[in-house]
Amino acid sequence: MSDPPRSRVAFVDWLRLLAALQMITGHTLDAVLVDGARQSSAFQTWTQIRGLTAPAFLLASGISFALASRLEDVGAFAALR
């Protein structure tokens, strides 16, 4: 007997996507940007926003884990309760 399909929480998926894109864009810009452009206020603002990338990804991962362990009745997550 197959399990019923689970609904996904869209904001968690979108947050993970946004964090992944921010990570890729941040590393790419950091590698290709000339030193003169790094002195602008726009780059400083970008750097501040980029600092939220890893915490956002960790938050989304934690929410995903919490939702999965709450929905899972048996298996690997049952030992964590």
PDB file of N, CA and C in Angstrom:
ATOM      1  N   MET A   1       0.838  -1.166   0.000  1.00  0.00           N
ATOM      2  CA  MET A   1       0.000   0.000   0.000  1.00  0.00           C
ATOM      3  C   MET A   1       0.892   1.241   0.000  1.00  0.00           C
ATOM      4  N   SER A   2       0.643   2.167  -0.866  1.00  0.00           N
ATOM      5  CA  SER A   2       1.493   3.347  -0.961  1.00  0.00           C
ATOM      6  C   SER A   2       1.004   4.443  -0.007  1.00  0.00           C
ATOM      7  N   ASP A   3       1.970   5.248   0.440  1.00  0.00           N
ATOM      8  CA  ASP A   3       1.641   6.356   1.328  1.00  0.00           C
ATOM      9  C   ASP A   3       0.996   7.481   0.528  1.00  0.00           C
ATOM     10  N   PRO A   4       0.117   8.260   1.163  1.00  0.00           N
ATOM     11  CA  PRO A   4      -0.462   9.399   0.460  1.00  0.00           C
ATOM     12  C   PRO A   4       0.618  10.453   0.215  1.00  0.00           C
ATOM     13  N   PRO A   5       0.531  11.191  -0.876  1.00  0.00           N
ATOM     14  CA  PRO A   5       1.552  12.203  -1.160  1.00  0.00           C
ATOM     15  C   PRO A   5       1.505  13.307  -0.098  1.00  0.00           C
ATOM     16  N   ARG A   6       2.683  13.780   0.286  1.00  0.00           N
ATOM     17  CA  ARG A   6       2.774  14.855   1.271  1.00  0.00           C
ATOM     18  C   ARG A   6       2.778  16.199   0.561  1.00  0.00           C
ATOM     19  N   SER A   7       2.151  17.147   1.192  1.00  0.00           N
ATOM     20  CA  SER A   7       2.197  18.488   0.628  1.00  0.00           C
ATOM     21  C   SER A   7       3.483  19.163   1.091  1.00  0.00           C
ATOM     22  N   ARG A   8       4.038  19.994   0.258  1.00  0.00           N
ATOM     23  CA  ARG A   8       5.279  20.684   0.579  1.00  0.00           C
ATOM     24  C   ARG A   8       4.950  22.065   1.117  1.00  0.00           C
ATOM     25  N   VAL A   9       5.829  22.579   1.926  1.00  0.00           N
ATOM     26  CA  VAL A   9       5.683  23.936   2.435  1.00  0.00           C
ATOM     27  C   VAL A   9       6.473  24.836   1.496  1.00  0.00           C
ATOM     28  N   ALA A  10       5.748  25.617   0.715  1.00  0.00           N
ATOM     29  CA  ALA A  10       6.368  26.368  -0.380  1.00  0.00           C
ATOM     30  C   ALA A  10       7.389  27.389   0.109  1.00  0.00           C
ATOM     31  N   PHE A  11       7.128  28.068   1.224  1.00  0.00           N
ATOM     32  CA  PHE A  11       8.059  29.112   1.633  1.00  0.00           C
ATOM     33  C   PHE A  11       9.424  28.542   2.020  1.00  0.00           C
ATOM     34  N   VAL A  12       9.461  27.323   2.516  1.00  0.00           N
ATOM     35  CA  VAL A  12      10.746  26.707   2.856  1.00  0.00           C
ATOM     36  C   VAL A  12      11.521  26.406   1.574  1.00  0.00           C
ATOM     37  N   ASP A  13      10.839  25.882   0.573  1.00  0.00           N
ATOM     38  CA  ASP A  13      11.501  25.615  -0.706  1.00  0.00           C
ATOM     39  C   ASP A  13      11.999  26.911  -1.343  1.00  0.00           C
ATOM     40  N   TRP A  14      11.193  27.967  -1.284  1.00  0.00           N
ATOM     41  CA  TRP A  14      11.590  29.255  -1.865  1.00  0.00           C
ATOM     42  C   TRP A  14      12.764  29.862  -1.101  1.00  0.00           C
ATOM     43  N   LEU A  15      12.763  29.721   0.217  1.00  0.00           N
ATOM     44  CA  LEU A  15      13.866  30.241   1.017  1.00  0.00           C
ATOM     45  C   LEU A  15      15.161  29.501   0.693  1.00  0.00           C
ATOM     46  N   ARG A  16      15.089  28.198   0.545  1.00  0.00           N
ATOM     47  CA  ARG A  16      16.285  27.433   0.182  1.00  0.00           C
ATOM     48  C   ARG A  16      16.780  27.805  -1.210  1.00  0.00           C
ATOM     49  N   LEU A  17      15.851  27.989  -2.150  1.00  0.00           N
ATOM     50  CA  LEU A  17      16.228  28.407  -3.501  1.00  0.00           C
ATOM     51  C   LEU A  17      16.888  29.781  -3.477  1.00  0.00           C
ATOM     52  N   LEU A  18      16.286  30.716  -2.756  1.00  0.00           N
ATOM     53  CA  LEU A  18      16.850  32.061  -2.676  1.00  0.00           C
ATOM     54  C   LEU A  18      18.237  32.039  -2.051  1.00  0.00           C
ATOM     55  N   ALA A  19      18.411  31.269  -0.985  1.00  0.00           N
ATOM     56  CA  ALA A  19      19.719  31.176  -0.336  1.00  0.00           C
ATOM     57  C   ALA A  19      20.757  30.551  -1.263  1.00  0.00           C
ATOM     58  N   ALA A  20      20.373  29.527  -2.000  1.00  0.00           N
ATOM     59  CA  ALA A  20      21.314  28.890  -2.934  1.00  0.00           C
ATOM     60  C   ALA A  20      21.716  29.852  -4.052  1.00  0.00           C
ATOM     61  N   LEU A  21      20.746  30.573  -4.604  1.00  0.00           N
ATOM     62  CA  LEU A  21      21.056  31.544  -5.661  1.00  0.00           C
ATOM     63  C   LEU A  21      21.926  32.678  -5.124  1.00  0.00           C
ATOM     64  N   GLN A  22      21.633  33.122  -3.914  1.00  0.00           N
ATOM     65  CA  GLN A  22      22.431  34.176  -3.286  1.00  0.00           C
ATOM     66  C   GLN A  22      23.866  33.701  -3.074  1.00  0.00           C
ATOM     67  N   MET A  23      24.034  32.455  -2.681  1.00  0.00           N
ATOM     68  CA  MET A  23      25.370  31.898  -2.457  1.00  0.00           C
ATOM     69  C   MET A  23      26.153  31.846  -3.772  1.00  0.00           C
ATOM     70  N   ILE A  24      25.519  31.366  -4.820  1.00  0.00           N
ATOM     71  CA  ILE A  24      26.182  31.269  -6.128  1.00  0.00           C
ATOM     72  C   ILE A  24      26.535  32.657  -6.655  1.00  0.00           C
ATOM     73  N   THR A  25      25.573  33.569  -6.591  1.00  0.00           N
ATOM     74  CA  THR A  25      25.801  34.927  -7.079  1.00  0.00           C
ATOM     75  C   THR A  25      26.888  35.624  -6.267  1.00  0.00           C
ATOM     76  N   GLY A  26      26.843  35.453  -4.960  1.00  0.00           N
ATOM     77  CA  GLY A  26      27.838  36.097  -4.106  1.00  0.00           C
ATOM     78  C   GLY A  26      29.246  35.633  -4.391  1.00  0.00           C
ATOM     79  N   HIS A  27      29.431  34.331  -4.520  1.00  0.00           N
ATOM     80  CA  HIS A  27      30.773  33.806  -4.810  1.00  0.00           C
ATOM     81  C   HIS A  27      31.228  34.211  -6.204  1.00  0.00           C
ATOM     82  N   THR A  28      30.309  34.235  -7.156  1.00  0.00           N
ATOM     83  CA  THR A  28      30.673  34.621  -8.519  1.00  0.00           C
ATOM     84  C   THR A  28      31.088  36.086  -8.576  1.00  0.00           C
ATOM     85  N   LEU A  29      30.276  36.959  -7.979  1.00  0.00           N
ATOM     86  CA  LEU A  29      30.630  38.385  -7.984  1.00  0.00           C
ATOM     87  C   LEU A  29      31.937  38.628  -7.239  1.00  0.00           C
ATOM     88  N   ASP A  30      32.129  37.929  -6.155  1.00  0.00           N
ATOM     89  CA  ASP A  30      33.363  38.094  -5.394  1.00  0.00           C
ATOM     90  C   ASP A  30      34.573  37.703  -6.226  1.00  0.00           C
ATOM     91  N   ALA A  31      34.426  36.734  -7.098  1.00  0.00           N
ATOM     92  CA  ALA A  31      35.554  36.262  -7.910  1.00  0.00           C
ATOM     93  C   ALA A  31      35.838  37.163  -9.115  1.00  0.00           C
ATOM     94  N   VAL A  32      34.815  37.771  -9.699  1.00  0.00           N
ATOM     95  CA  VAL A  32      35.019  38.495 -10.952  1.00  0.00           C
ATOM     96  C   VAL A  32      35.028  40.019 -10.817  1.00  0.00           C
ATOM     97  N   LEU A  33      34.655  40.538  -9.653  1.00  0.00           N
ATOM     98  CA  LEU A  33      34.553  41.986  -9.488  1.00  0.00           C
ATOM     99  C   LEU A  33      35.941  42.607  -9.326  1.00  0.00           C
ATOM    100  N   VAL A  34      36.148  43.728  -9.991  1.00  0.00           N
ATOM    101  CA  VAL A  34      37.428  44.430  -9.871  1.00  0.00           C
ATOM    102  C   VAL A  34      37.487  45.143  -8.523  1.00  0.00           C
ATOM    103  N   ASP A  35      38.702  45.429  -8.067  1.00  0.00           N
ATOM    104  CA  ASP A  35      38.873  46.036  -6.745  1.00  0.00           C
ATOM    105  C   ASP A  35      38.222  47.414  -6.624  1.00  0.00           C
ATOM    106  N   GLY A  36      38.214  48.164  -7.699  1.00  0.00           N
ATOM    107  CA  GLY A  36      37.620  49.504  -7.657  1.00  0.00           C
ATOM    108  C   GLY A  36      36.127  49.476  -7.368  1.00  0.00           C
ATOM    109  N   ALA A  37      35.441  48.471  -7.868  1.00  0.00           N
ATOM    110  CA  ALA A  37      33.999  48.370  -7.652  1.00  0.00           C
ATOM    111  C   ALA A  37      33.673  47.938  -6.227  1.00  0.00           C
ATOM    112  N   ARG A  38      34.625  47.353  -5.542  1.00  0.00           N
ATOM    113  CA  ARG A  38      34.398  46.900  -4.163  1.00  0.00           C
ATOM    114  C   ARG A  38      34.323  48.063  -3.171  1.00  0.00           C
ATOM    115  N   GLN A  39      34.691  49.249  -3.588  1.00  0.00           N
ATOM    116  CA  GLN A  39      34.678  50.408  -2.700  1.00  0.00           C
ATOM    117  C   GLN A  39      33.333  51.133  -2.700  1.00  0.00           C
ATOM    118  N   SER A  40      32.428  50.744  -3.576  1.00  0.00           N
ATOM    119  CA  SER A  40      31.147  51.454  -3.684  1.00  0.00           C
ATOM    120  C   SER A  40      30.218  51.098  -2.524  1.00  0.00           C
ATOM    121  N   SER A  41      29.268  51.986  -2.262  1.00  0.00           N
ATOM    122  CA  SER A  41      28.297  51.727  -1.199  1.00  0.00           C
ATOM    123  C   SER A  41      27.345  50.596  -1.595  1.00  0.00           C
ATOM    124  N   ALA A  42      27.105  50.438  -2.888  1.00  0.00           N
ATOM    125  CA  ALA A  42      26.242  49.341  -3.351  1.00  0.00           C
ATOM    126  C   ALA A  42      26.882  47.992  -3.024  1.00  0.00           C
ATOM    127  N   PHE A  43      28.195  47.894  -3.219  1.00  0.00           N
ATOM    128  CA  PHE A  43      28.878  46.639  -2.894  1.00  0.00           C
ATOM    129  C   PHE A  43      28.873  46.386  -1.390  1.00  0.00           C
ATOM    130  N   GLN A  44      29.023  47.444  -0.600  1.00  0.00           N
ATOM    131  CA  GLN A  44      28.981  47.284   0.856  1.00  0.00           C
ATOM    132  C   GLN A  44      27.608  46.795   1.316  1.00  0.00           C
ATOM    133  N   THR A  45      26.553  47.325   0.703  1.00  0.00           N
ATOM    134  CA  THR A  45      25.193  46.864   1.009  1.00  0.00           C
ATOM    135  C   THR A  45      25.030  45.416   0.579  1.00  0.00           C
ATOM    136  N   TRP A  46      25.533  45.090  -0.592  1.00  0.00           N
ATOM    137  CA  TRP A  46      25.469  43.713  -1.099  1.00  0.00           C
ATOM    138  C   TRP A  46      26.179  42.751  -0.146  1.00  0.00           C
ATOM    139  N   THR A  47      27.316  43.185   0.381  1.00  0.00           N
ATOM    140  CA  THR A  47      28.073  42.353   1.312  1.00  0.00           C
ATOM    141  C   THR A  47      27.274  42.102   2.590  1.00  0.00           C
ATOM    142  N   GLN A  48      26.584  43.119   3.075  1.00  0.00           N
ATOM    143  CA  GLN A  48      25.754  42.954   4.268  1.00  0.00           C
ATOM    144  C   GLN A  48      24.612  41.970   4.012  1.00  0.00           C
ATOM    145  N   ILE A  49      23.963  42.090   2.873  1.00  0.00           N
ATOM    146  CA  ILE A  49      22.863  41.183   2.518  1.00  0.00           C
ATOM    147  C   ILE A  49      23.398  39.770   2.314  1.00  0.00           C
ATOM    148  N   ARG A  50      24.555  39.675   1.693  1.00  0.00           N
ATOM    149  CA  ARG A  50      25.160  38.360   1.442  1.00  0.00           C
ATOM    150  C   ARG A  50      25.496  37.636   2.735  1.00  0.00           C
ATOM    151  N   GLY A  51      25.712  38.378   3.799  1.00  0.00           N
ATOM    152  CA  GLY A  51      25.993  37.776   5.092  1.00  0.00           C
ATOM    153  C   GLY A  51      24.813  36.989   5.649  1.00  0.00           C
ATOM    154  N   LEU A  52      23.636  37.192   5.110  1.00  0.00           N
ATOM    155  CA  LEU A  52      22.450  36.472   5.564  1.00  0.00           C
ATOM    156  C   LEU A  52      22.243  35.151   4.828  1.00  0.00           C
ATOM    157  N   THR A  53      23.077  34.858   3.853  1.00  0.00           N
ATOM    158  CA  THR A  53      22.898  33.670   3.031  1.00  0.00           C
ATOM    159  C   THR A  53      22.998  32.379   3.841  1.00  0.00           C
ATOM    160  N   ALA A  54      24.083  32.188   4.543  1.00  0.00           N
ATOM    161  CA  ALA A  54      24.271  30.949   5.305  1.00  0.00           C
ATOM    162  C   ALA A  54      23.240  30.804   6.424  1.00  0.00           C
ATOM    163  N   PRO A  55      22.940  31.866   7.204  1.00  0.00           N
ATOM    164  CA  PRO A  55      21.897  31.710   8.220  1.00  0.00           C
ATOM    165  C   PRO A  55      20.529  31.379   7.627  1.00  0.00           C
ATOM    166  N   ALA A  56      20.207  31.957   6.477  1.00  0.00           N
ATOM    167  CA  ALA A  56      18.919  31.652   5.839  1.00  0.00           C
ATOM    168  C   ALA A  56      18.862  30.196   5.399  1.00  0.00           C
ATOM    169  N   PHE A  57      19.960  29.700   4.849  1.00  0.00           N
ATOM    170  CA  PHE A  57      19.986  28.306   4.417  1.00  0.00           C
ATOM    171  C   PHE A  57      19.893  27.367   5.614  1.00  0.00           C
ATOM    172  N   LEU A  58      20.597  27.689   6.689  1.00  0.00           N
ATOM    173  CA  LEU A  58      20.522  26.865   7.898  1.00  0.00           C
ATOM    174  C   LEU A  58      19.125  26.907   8.514  1.00  0.00           C
ATOM    175  N   LEU A  59      18.493  28.065   8.507  1.00  0.00           N
ATOM    176  CA  LEU A  59      17.125  28.181   9.014  1.00  0.00           C
ATOM    177  C   LEU A  59      16.174  27.320   8.193  1.00  0.00           C
ATOM    178  N   ALA A  60      16.278  27.409   6.873  1.00  0.00           N
ATOM    179  CA  ALA A  60      15.411  26.612   5.998  1.00  0.00           C
ATOM    180  C   ALA A  60      15.670  25.122   6.188  1.00  0.00           C
ATOM    181  N   SER A  61      16.927  24.751   6.369  1.00  0.00           N
ATOM    182  CA  SER A  61      17.240  23.337   6.602  1.00  0.00           C
ATOM    183  C   SER A  61      16.666  22.853   7.926  1.00  0.00           C
ATOM    184  N   GLY A  62      16.754  23.681   8.946  1.00  0.00           N
ATOM    185  CA  GLY A  62      16.190  23.321  10.239  1.00  0.00           C
ATOM    186  C   GLY A  62      14.681  23.188  10.195  1.00  0.00           C
ATOM    187  N   ILE A  63      14.023  24.096   9.488  1.00  0.00           N
ATOM    188  CA  ILE A  63      12.570  24.019   9.337  1.00  0.00           C
ATOM    189  C   ILE A  63      12.196  22.759   8.567  1.00  0.00           C
ATOM    190  N   SER A  64      12.940  22.464   7.514  1.00  0.00           N
ATOM    191  CA  SER A  64      12.676  21.247   6.733  1.00  0.00           C
ATOM    192  C   SER A  64      12.814  20.005   7.599  1.00  0.00           C
ATOM    193  N   PHE A  65      13.868  19.961   8.412  1.00  0.00           N
ATOM    194  CA  PHE A  65      14.086  18.814   9.288  1.00  0.00           C
ATOM    195  C   PHE A  65      12.964  18.696  10.315  1.00  0.00           C
ATOM    196  N   ALA A  66      12.565  19.826  10.892  1.00  0.00           N
ATOM    197  CA  ALA A  66      11.493  19.803  11.893  1.00  0.00           C
ATOM    198  C   ALA A  66      10.182  19.332  11.281  1.00  0.00           C
ATOM    199  N   LEU A  67       9.877  19.808  10.088  1.00  0.00           N
ATOM    200  CA  LEU A  67       8.640  19.384   9.424  1.00  0.00           C
ATOM    201  C   LEU A  67       8.693  17.908   9.061  1.00  0.00           C
ATOM    202  N   ALA A  68       9.839  17.459   8.579  1.00  0.00           N
ATOM    203  CA  ALA A  68       9.965  16.051   8.195  1.00  0.00           C
ATOM    204  C   ALA A  68       9.881  15.146   9.415  1.00  0.00           C
ATOM    205  N   SER A  69      10.504  15.539  10.508  1.00  0.00           N
ATOM    206  CA  SER A  69      10.473  14.685  11.695  1.00  0.00           C
ATOM    207  C   SER A  69       9.110  14.702  12.361  1.00  0.00           C
ATOM    208  N   ARG A  70       8.384  15.774  12.205  1.00  0.00           N
ATOM    209  CA  ARG A  70       7.037  15.845  12.756  1.00  0.00           C
ATOM    210  C   ARG A  70       6.065  15.006  11.948  1.00  0.00           C
ATOM    211  N   LEU A  71       6.272  14.959  10.648  1.00  0.00           N
ATOM    212  CA  LEU A  71       5.376  14.213   9.773  1.00  0.00           C
ATOM    213  C   LEU A  71       5.698  12.732   9.732  1.00  0.00           C
ATOM    214  N   GLU A  72       6.921  12.384  10.068  1.00  0.00           N
ATOM    215  CA  GLU A  72       7.377  11.002   9.960  1.00  0.00           C
ATOM    216  C   GLU A  72       7.037  10.245  11.241  1.00  0.00           C
ATOM    217  N   ASP A  73       6.245   9.211  11.148  1.00  0.00           N
ATOM    218  CA  ASP A  73       5.861   8.434  12.338  1.00  0.00           C
ATOM    219  C   ASP A  73       6.838   7.316  12.643  1.00  0.00           C
ATOM    220  N   VAL A  74       7.459   6.764  11.608  1.00  0.00           N
ATOM    221  CA  VAL A  74       8.405   5.676  11.794  1.00  0.00           C
ATOM    222  C   VAL A  74       9.672   5.978  11.033  1.00  0.00           C
ATOM    223  N   GLY A  75      10.693   5.237  11.303  1.00  0.00           N
ATOM    224  CA  GLY A  75      11.927   5.405  10.547  1.00  0.00           C
ATOM    225  C   GLY A  75      12.981   6.107  11.361  1.00  0.00           C
ATOM    226  N   ALA A  76      13.873   6.766  10.672  1.00  0.00           N
ATOM    227  CA  ALA A  76      15.026   7.367  11.313  1.00  0.00           C
ATOM    228  C   ALA A  76      14.655   8.483  12.281  1.00  0.00           C
ATOM    229  N   PHE A  77      13.566   9.216  12.001  1.00  0.00           N
ATOM    230  CA  PHE A  77      13.197  10.341  12.849  1.00  0.00           C
ATOM    231  C   PHE A  77      12.514   9.902  14.140  1.00  0.00           C
ATOM    232  N   ALA A  78      12.011   8.702  14.197  1.00  0.00           N
ATOM    233  CA  ALA A  78      11.305   8.243  15.398  1.00  0.00           C
ATOM    234  C   ALA A  78      12.238   8.175  16.602  1.00  0.00           C
ATOM    235  N   ALA A  79      13.508   7.900  16.384  1.00  0.00           N
ATOM    236  CA  ALA A  79      14.471   7.806  17.481  1.00  0.00           C
ATOM    237  C   ALA A  79      14.803   9.179  18.070  1.00  0.00           C
ATOM    238  N   LEU A  80      14.535  10.247  17.335  1.00  0.00           N
ATOM    239  CA  LEU A  80      14.882  11.577  17.801  1.00  0.00           C
ATOM    240  C   LEU A  80      13.819  12.180  18.709  1.00  0.00           C
ATOM    241  N   ARG A  81      12.684  11.548  18.845  1.00  0.00           N
ATOM    242  CA  ARG A  81      11.601  12.111  19.665  1.00  0.00           C
ATOM    243  C   ARG A  81      11.775  11.813  21.106  1.00  0.00           C
TER     244      ARG A  81
END
